Amino acid sequence: MKSKRPAPRRPEIGELPVWKAFVVQFSRDTRTRGGTFSGRIEHLNSGRRDRFGSKEELLASLDRMLDQLGENGV
């Protein structure tokens, strides 16, 4: 009689998956009170980078990169 092996389990996806980790680096000119908001963003897993010159550009870059990554970070 053959014993049944349990089906392999998919690894749990944590609340903060590593493939959605980013570094945001602000330029020395960034002044929130003065409205100057610039720097770069880098996706750690893929190395993709983008520069931003405003809050809106930062959010647009994040949105675009997350869209490209899809649900599984591919």
PDB file of N, CA and C in Angstrom:
ATOM      1  N   MET A   1       0.833  -1.173   0.000  1.00  0.00           N
ATOM      2  CA  MET A   1       0.000   0.000   0.000  1.00  0.00           C
ATOM      3  C   MET A   1       0.888   1.249   0.000  1.00  0.00           C
ATOM      4  N   LYS A   2       0.620   2.127  -0.916  1.00  0.00           N
ATOM      5  CA  LYS A   2       1.404   3.359  -1.011  1.00  0.00           C
ATOM      6  C   LYS A   2       0.870   4.400  -0.042  1.00  0.00           C
ATOM      7  N   SER A   3       1.787   5.075   0.600  1.00  0.00           N
ATOM      8  CA  SER A   3       1.342   6.158   1.491  1.00  0.00           C
ATOM      9  C   SER A   3       1.226   7.441   0.678  1.00  0.00           C
ATOM     10  N   LYS A   4       0.231   8.207   0.998  1.00  0.00           N
ATOM     11  CA  LYS A   4       0.021   9.471   0.293  1.00  0.00           C
ATOM     12  C   LYS A   4       0.877  10.547   0.931  1.00  0.00           C
ATOM     13  N   ARG A   5       1.552  11.255   0.085  1.00  0.00           N
ATOM     14  CA  ARG A   5       2.326  12.413   0.566  1.00  0.00           C
ATOM     15  C   ARG A   5       1.418  13.622   0.591  1.00  0.00           C
ATOM     16  N   PRO A   6       1.602  14.448   1.582  1.00  0.00           N
ATOM     17  CA  PRO A   6       0.800  15.676   1.571  1.00  0.00           C
ATOM     18  C   PRO A   6       1.187  16.540   0.378  1.00  0.00           C
ATOM     19  N   ALA A   7       0.224  17.222  -0.155  1.00  0.00           N
ATOM     20  CA  ALA A   7       0.483  18.121  -1.283  1.00  0.00           C
ATOM     21  C   ALA A   7       1.454  19.203  -0.837  1.00  0.00           C
ATOM     22  N   PRO A   8       2.395  19.579  -1.710  1.00  0.00           N
ATOM     23  CA  PRO A   8       3.331  20.640  -1.326  1.00  0.00           C
ATOM     24  C   PRO A   8       2.565  21.932  -1.053  1.00  0.00           C
ATOM     25  N   ARG A   9       2.980  22.616  -0.022  1.00  0.00           N
ATOM     26  CA  ARG A   9       2.329  23.877   0.332  1.00  0.00           C
ATOM     27  C   ARG A   9       3.033  25.031  -0.347  1.00  0.00           C
ATOM     28  N   ARG A  10       2.240  25.960  -0.793  1.00  0.00           N
ATOM     29  CA  ARG A  10       2.814  27.199  -1.329  1.00  0.00           C
ATOM     30  C   ARG A  10       3.344  27.998  -0.158  1.00  0.00           C
ATOM     31  N   PRO A  11       4.503  28.598  -0.340  1.00  0.00           N
ATOM     32  CA  PRO A  11       5.004  29.434   0.753  1.00  0.00           C
ATOM     33  C   PRO A  11       4.033  30.569   1.025  1.00  0.00           C
ATOM     34  N   GLU A  12       3.883  30.888   2.272  1.00  0.00           N
ATOM     35  CA  GLU A  12       2.991  31.986   2.626  1.00  0.00           C
ATOM     36  C   GLU A  12       3.578  33.306   2.159  1.00  0.00           C
ATOM     37  N   ILE A  13       2.712  34.137   1.673  1.00  0.00           N
ATOM     38  CA  ILE A  13       3.132  35.469   1.259  1.00  0.00           C
ATOM     39  C   ILE A  13       2.876  36.393   2.437  1.00  0.00           C
ATOM     40  N   GLY A  14       3.942  36.949   2.934  1.00  0.00           N
ATOM     41  CA  GLY A  14       3.823  37.831   4.083  1.00  0.00           C
ATOM     42  C   GLY A  14       3.106  39.122   3.750  1.00  0.00           C
ATOM     43  N   GLU A  15       2.800  39.839   4.783  1.00  0.00           N
ATOM     44  CA  GLU A  15       2.114  41.112   4.607  1.00  0.00           C
ATOM     45  C   GLU A  15       2.972  42.107   3.839  1.00  0.00           C
ATOM     46  N   LEU A  16       4.304  42.002   4.004  1.00  0.00           N
ATOM     47  CA  LEU A  16       5.238  42.890   3.308  1.00  0.00           C
ATOM     48  C   LEU A  16       6.179  42.042   2.452  1.00  0.00           C
ATOM     49  N   PRO A  17       5.720  41.603   1.252  1.00  0.00           N
ATOM     50  CA  PRO A  17       6.552  40.740   0.421  1.00  0.00           C
ATOM     51  C   PRO A  17       7.807  41.459  -0.074  1.00  0.00           C
ATOM     52  N   VAL A  18       8.912  40.730  -0.108  1.00  0.00           N
ATOM     53  CA  VAL A  18      10.191  41.338  -0.471  1.00  0.00           C
ATOM     54  C   VAL A  18      10.218  41.856  -1.897  1.00  0.00           C
ATOM     55  N   TRP A  19       9.446  41.265  -2.792  1.00  0.00           N
ATOM     56  CA  TRP A  19       9.478  41.744  -4.172  1.00  0.00           C
ATOM     57  C   TRP A  19       8.754  43.081  -4.334  1.00  0.00           C
ATOM     58  N   LYS A  20       8.189  43.590  -3.267  1.00  0.00           N
ATOM     59  CA  LYS A  20       7.573  44.913  -3.330  1.00  0.00           C
ATOM     60  C   LYS A  20       8.344  45.917  -2.469  1.00  0.00           C
ATOM     61  N   ALA A  21       9.634  45.642  -2.252  1.00  0.00           N
ATOM     62  CA  ALA A  21      10.471  46.539  -1.441  1.00  0.00           C
ATOM     63  C   ALA A  21      11.154  47.573  -2.339  1.00  0.00           C
ATOM     64  N   PHE A  22      11.123  48.812  -1.895  1.00  0.00           N
ATOM     65  CA  PHE A  22      11.720  49.923  -2.629  1.00  0.00           C
ATOM     66  C   PHE A  22      12.599  50.743  -1.695  1.00  0.00           C
ATOM     67  N   VAL A  23      13.564  51.439  -2.307  1.00  0.00           N
ATOM     68  CA  VAL A  23      14.329  52.458  -1.597  1.00  0.00           C
ATOM     69  C   VAL A  23      13.952  53.786  -2.234  1.00  0.00           C
ATOM     70  N   VAL A  24      13.630  54.743  -1.394  1.00  0.00           N
ATOM     71  CA  VAL A  24      13.364  56.097  -1.873  1.00  0.00           C
ATOM     72  C   VAL A  24      14.451  56.986  -1.302  1.00  0.00           C
ATOM     73  N   GLN A  25      15.179  57.630  -2.192  1.00  0.00           N
ATOM     74  CA  GLN A  25      16.271  58.514  -1.778  1.00  0.00           C
ATOM     75  C   GLN A  25      15.922  59.933  -2.211  1.00  0.00           C
ATOM     76  N   PHE A  26      15.907  60.836  -1.241  1.00  0.00           N
ATOM     77  CA  PHE A  26      15.568  62.226  -1.528  1.00  0.00           C
ATOM     78  C   PHE A  26      16.836  63.034  -1.753  1.00  0.00           C
ATOM     79  N   SER A  27      16.765  63.971  -2.686  1.00  0.00           N
ATOM     80  CA  SER A  27      17.909  64.836  -2.964  1.00  0.00           C
ATOM     81  C   SER A  27      18.109  65.804  -1.798  1.00  0.00           C
ATOM     82  N   ARG A  28      19.288  66.362  -1.728  1.00  0.00           N
ATOM     83  CA  ARG A  28      19.551  67.317  -0.641  1.00  0.00           C
ATOM     84  C   ARG A  28      18.739  68.594  -0.796  1.00  0.00           C
ATOM     85  N   ASP A  29      18.214  68.833  -1.987  1.00  0.00           N
ATOM     86  CA  ASP A  29      17.403  70.025  -2.239  1.00  0.00           C
ATOM     87  C   ASP A  29      15.956  69.868  -1.770  1.00  0.00           C
ATOM     88  N   THR A  30      15.562  68.654  -1.391  1.00  0.00           N
ATOM     89  CA  THR A  30      14.174  68.414  -0.981  1.00  0.00           C
ATOM     90  C   THR A  30      13.834  69.228   0.263  1.00  0.00           C
ATOM     91  N   ARG A  31      12.779  70.002   0.133  1.00  0.00           N
ATOM     92  CA  ARG A  31      12.263  70.811   1.243  1.00  0.00           C
ATOM     93  C   ARG A  31      10.748  70.701   1.189  1.00  0.00           C
ATOM     94  N   THR A  32      10.160  70.001   2.123  1.00  0.00           N
ATOM     95  CA  THR A  32       8.709  69.813   2.064  1.00  0.00           C
ATOM     96  C   THR A  32       7.964  71.128   2.218  1.00  0.00           C
ATOM     97  N   ARG A  33       8.479  72.007   3.030  1.00  0.00           N
ATOM     98  CA  ARG A  33       7.801  73.307   3.217  1.00  0.00           C
ATOM     99  C   ARG A  33       7.945  74.201   1.993  1.00  0.00           C
ATOM    100  N   GLY A  34       9.061  74.077   1.295  1.00  0.00           N
ATOM    101  CA  GLY A  34       9.286  74.918   0.129  1.00  0.00           C
ATOM    102  C   GLY A  34       8.708  74.344  -1.149  1.00  0.00           C
ATOM    103  N   GLY A  35       8.187  73.122  -1.073  1.00  0.00           N
ATOM    104  CA  GLY A  35       7.584  72.511  -2.253  1.00  0.00           C
ATOM    105  C   GLY A  35       8.574  71.811  -3.165  1.00  0.00           C
ATOM    106  N   THR A  36       9.866  71.783  -2.792  1.00  0.00           N
ATOM    107  CA  THR A  36      10.853  71.073  -3.594  1.00  0.00           C
ATOM    108  C   THR A  36      10.904  69.630  -3.108  1.00  0.00           C
ATOM    109  N   PHE A  37      10.654  68.710  -4.014  1.00  0.00           N
ATOM    110  CA  PHE A  37      10.516  67.309  -3.655  1.00  0.00           C
ATOM    111  C   PHE A  37      11.108  66.492  -4.790  1.00  0.00           C
ATOM    112  N   SER A  38      12.343  66.025  -4.625  1.00  0.00           N
ATOM    113  CA  SER A  38      12.983  65.301  -5.731  1.00  0.00           C
ATOM    114  C   SER A  38      13.904  64.216  -5.199  1.00  0.00           C
ATOM    115  N   GLY A  39      14.258  63.294  -6.101  1.00  0.00           N
ATOM    116  CA  GLY A  39      15.164  62.209  -5.734  1.00  0.00           C
ATOM    117  C   GLY A  39      15.013  61.046  -6.691  1.00  0.00           C
ATOM    118  N   ARG A  40      15.219  59.849  -6.149  1.00  0.00           N
ATOM    119  CA  ARG A  40      15.085  58.658  -6.984  1.00  0.00           C
ATOM    120  C   ARG A  40      14.441  57.535  -6.187  1.00  0.00           C
ATOM    121  N   ILE A  41      13.891  56.582  -6.923  1.00  0.00           N
ATOM    122  CA  ILE A  41      13.275  55.403  -6.327  1.00  0.00           C
ATOM    123  C   ILE A  41      13.879  54.183  -7.014  1.00  0.00           C
ATOM    124  N   GLU A  42      14.149  53.127  -6.239  1.00  0.00           N
ATOM    125  CA  GLU A  42      14.718  51.903  -6.805  1.00  0.00           C
ATOM    126  C   GLU A  42      13.991  50.693  -6.251  1.00  0.00           C
ATOM    127  N   HIS A  43      13.606  49.807  -7.157  1.00  0.00           N
ATOM    128  CA  HIS A  43      12.997  48.542  -6.751  1.00  0.00           C
ATOM    129  C   HIS A  43      14.138  47.586  -6.424  1.00  0.00           C
ATOM    130  N   LEU A  44      14.199  47.124  -5.184  1.00  0.00           N
ATOM    131  CA  LEU A  44      15.348  46.344  -4.725  1.00  0.00           C
ATOM    132  C   LEU A  44      15.506  45.015  -5.443  1.00  0.00           C
ATOM    133  N   ASN A  45      14.425  44.330  -5.724  1.00  0.00           N
ATOM    134  CA  ASN A  45      14.511  43.001  -6.319  1.00  0.00           C
ATOM    135  C   ASN A  45      14.976  43.041  -7.774  1.00  0.00           C
ATOM    136  N   SER A  46      14.499  43.998  -8.542  1.00  0.00           N
ATOM    137  CA  SER A  46      14.825  44.039  -9.972  1.00  0.00           C
ATOM    138  C   SER A  46      15.909  45.046 -10.318  1.00  0.00           C
ATOM    139  N   GLY A  47      16.139  46.026  -9.436  1.00  0.00           N
ATOM    140  CA  GLY A  47      17.115  47.064  -9.736  1.00  0.00           C
ATOM    141  C   GLY A  47      16.564  48.192 -10.595  1.00  0.00           C
ATOM    142  N   ARG A  48      15.288  48.128 -10.938  1.00  0.00           N
ATOM    143  CA  ARG A  48      14.691  49.207 -11.736  1.00  0.00           C
ATOM    144  C   ARG A  48      14.733  50.503 -10.948  1.00  0.00           C
ATOM    145  N   ARG A  49      15.037  51.584 -11.660  1.00  0.00           N
ATOM    146  CA  ARG A  49      15.155  52.893 -11.002  1.00  0.00           C
ATOM    147  C   ARG A  49      14.393  53.943 -11.784  1.00  0.00           C
ATOM    148  N   ASP A  50      14.035  54.981 -11.074  1.00  0.00           N
ATOM    149  CA  ASP A  50      13.388  56.122 -11.709  1.00  0.00           C
ATOM    150  C   ASP A  50      13.684  57.356 -10.870  1.00  0.00           C
ATOM    151  N   ARG A  51      13.723  58.491 -11.506  1.00  0.00           N
ATOM    152  CA  ARG A  51      13.910  59.757 -10.796  1.00  0.00           C
ATOM    153  C   ARG A  51      12.568  60.470 -10.738  1.00  0.00           C
ATOM    154  N   PHE A  52      12.421  61.301  -9.719  1.00  0.00           N
ATOM    155  CA  PHE A  52      11.193  62.078  -9.585  1.00  0.00           C
ATOM    156  C   PHE A  52      11.543  63.500  -9.190  1.00  0.00           C
ATOM    157  N   GLY A  53      10.669  64.422  -9.573  1.00  0.00           N
ATOM    158  CA  GLY A  53      10.874  65.828  -9.264  1.00  0.00           C
ATOM    159  C   GLY A  53       9.714  66.438  -8.503  1.00  0.00           C
ATOM    160  N   SER A  54       8.758  65.578  -8.108  1.00  0.00           N
ATOM    161  CA  SER A  54       7.603  66.054  -7.341  1.00  0.00           C
ATOM    162  C   SER A  54       6.967  64.861  -6.640  1.00  0.00           C
ATOM    163  N   LYS A  55       6.080  65.156  -5.697  1.00  0.00           N
ATOM    164  CA  LYS A  55       5.353  64.081  -5.014  1.00  0.00           C
ATOM    165  C   LYS A  55       4.549  63.265  -6.023  1.00  0.00           C
ATOM    166  N   GLU A  56       3.942  63.970  -6.959  1.00  0.00           N
ATOM    167  CA  GLU A  56       3.115  63.307  -7.966  1.00  0.00           C
ATOM    168  C   GLU A  56       3.950  62.355  -8.832  1.00  0.00           C
ATOM    169  N   GLU A  57       5.166  62.771  -9.203  1.00  0.00           N
ATOM    170  CA  GLU A  57       6.043  61.914 -10.006  1.00  0.00           C
ATOM    171  C   GLU A  57       6.491  60.681  -9.210  1.00  0.00           C
ATOM    172  N   LEU A  58       6.754  60.854  -7.915  1.00  0.00           N
ATOM    173  CA  LEU A  58       7.125  59.723  -7.064  1.00  0.00           C
ATOM    174  C   LEU A  58       5.990  58.698  -7.041  1.00  0.00           C
ATOM    175  N   LEU A  59       4.775  59.165  -6.792  1.00  0.00           N
ATOM    176  CA  LEU A  59       3.630  58.250  -6.751  1.00  0.00           C
ATOM    177  C   LEU A  59       3.374  57.601  -8.104  1.00  0.00           C
ATOM    178  N   ALA A  60       3.558  58.350  -9.176  1.00  0.00           N
ATOM    179  CA  ALA A  60       3.377  57.788 -10.516  1.00  0.00           C
ATOM    180  C   ALA A  60       4.419  56.709 -10.790  1.00  0.00           C
ATOM    181  N   SER A  61       5.663  56.927 -10.369  1.00  0.00           N
ATOM    182  CA  SER A  61       6.719  55.924 -10.542  1.00  0.00           C
ATOM    183  C   SER A  61       6.402  54.651  -9.766  1.00  0.00           C
ATOM    184  N   LEU A  62       5.981  54.812  -8.516  1.00  0.00           N
ATOM    185  CA  LEU A  62       5.593  53.656  -7.704  1.00  0.00           C
ATOM    186  C   LEU A  62       4.452  52.888  -8.357  1.00  0.00           C
ATOM    187  N   ASP A  63       3.458  53.601  -8.802  1.00  0.00           N
ATOM    188  CA  ASP A  63       2.301  52.990  -9.449  1.00  0.00           C
ATOM    189  C   ASP A  63       2.735  52.201 -10.682  1.00  0.00           C
ATOM    190  N   ARG A  64       3.575  52.806 -11.509  1.00  0.00           N
ATOM    191  CA  ARG A  64       4.048  52.169 -12.740  1.00  0.00           C
ATOM    192  C   ARG A  64       4.864  50.911 -12.423  1.00  0.00           C
ATOM    193  N   MET A  65       5.790  51.010 -11.472  1.00  0.00           N
ATOM    194  CA  MET A  65       6.641  49.867 -11.130  1.00  0.00           C
ATOM    195  C   MET A  65       5.828  48.722 -10.523  1.00  0.00           C
ATOM    196  N   LEU A  66       4.916  49.041  -9.627  1.00  0.00           N
ATOM    197  CA  LEU A  66       4.079  47.999  -9.028  1.00  0.00           C
ATOM    198  C   LEU A  66       3.211  47.332 -10.079  1.00  0.00           C
ATOM    199  N   ASP A  67       2.726  48.114 -11.028  1.00  0.00           N
ATOM    200  CA  ASP A  67       1.932  47.565 -12.133  1.00  0.00           C
ATOM    201  C   ASP A  67       2.764  46.586 -12.951  1.00  0.00           C
ATOM    202  N   GLN A  68       4.013  46.949 -13.248  1.00  0.00           N
ATOM    203  CA  GLN A  68       4.906  46.091 -14.027  1.00  0.00           C
ATOM    204  C   GLN A  68       5.247  44.810 -13.288  1.00  0.00           C
ATOM    205  N   LEU A  69       5.330  44.872 -11.959  1.00  0.00           N
ATOM    206  CA  LEU A  69       5.680  43.707 -11.160  1.00  0.00           C
ATOM    207  C   LEU A  69       4.556  42.689 -11.105  1.00  0.00           C
ATOM    208  N   GLY A  70       3.349  43.133 -11.206  1.00  0.00           N
ATOM    209  CA  GLY A  70       2.212  42.235 -11.103  1.00  0.00           C
ATOM    210  C   GLY A  70       2.045  41.734  -9.674  1.00  0.00           C
ATOM    211  N   GLU A  71       1.266  40.714  -9.510  1.00  0.00           N
ATOM    212  CA  GLU A  71       0.954  40.192  -8.188  1.00  0.00           C
ATOM    213  C   GLU A  71       2.059  39.367  -7.575  1.00  0.00           C
ATOM    214  N   ASN A  72       2.914  38.773  -8.400  1.00  0.00           N
ATOM    215  CA  ASN A  72       3.935  37.854  -7.872  1.00  0.00           C
ATOM    216  C   ASN A  72       5.348  38.380  -7.995  1.00  0.00           C
ATOM    217  N   GLY A  73       5.495  39.624  -8.353  1.00  0.00           N
ATOM    218  CA  GLY A  73       6.824  40.188  -8.439  1.00  0.00           C
ATOM    219  C   GLY A  73       7.600  39.777  -9.676  1.00  0.00           C
ATOM    220  N   VAL A  74       6.887  39.269 -10.667  1.00  0.00           N
ATOM    221  CA  VAL A  74       7.556  38.803 -11.884  1.00  0.00           C
ATOM    222  C   VAL A  74       7.748  39.946 -12.834  1.00  0.00           C
TER     223      VAL A  74
END
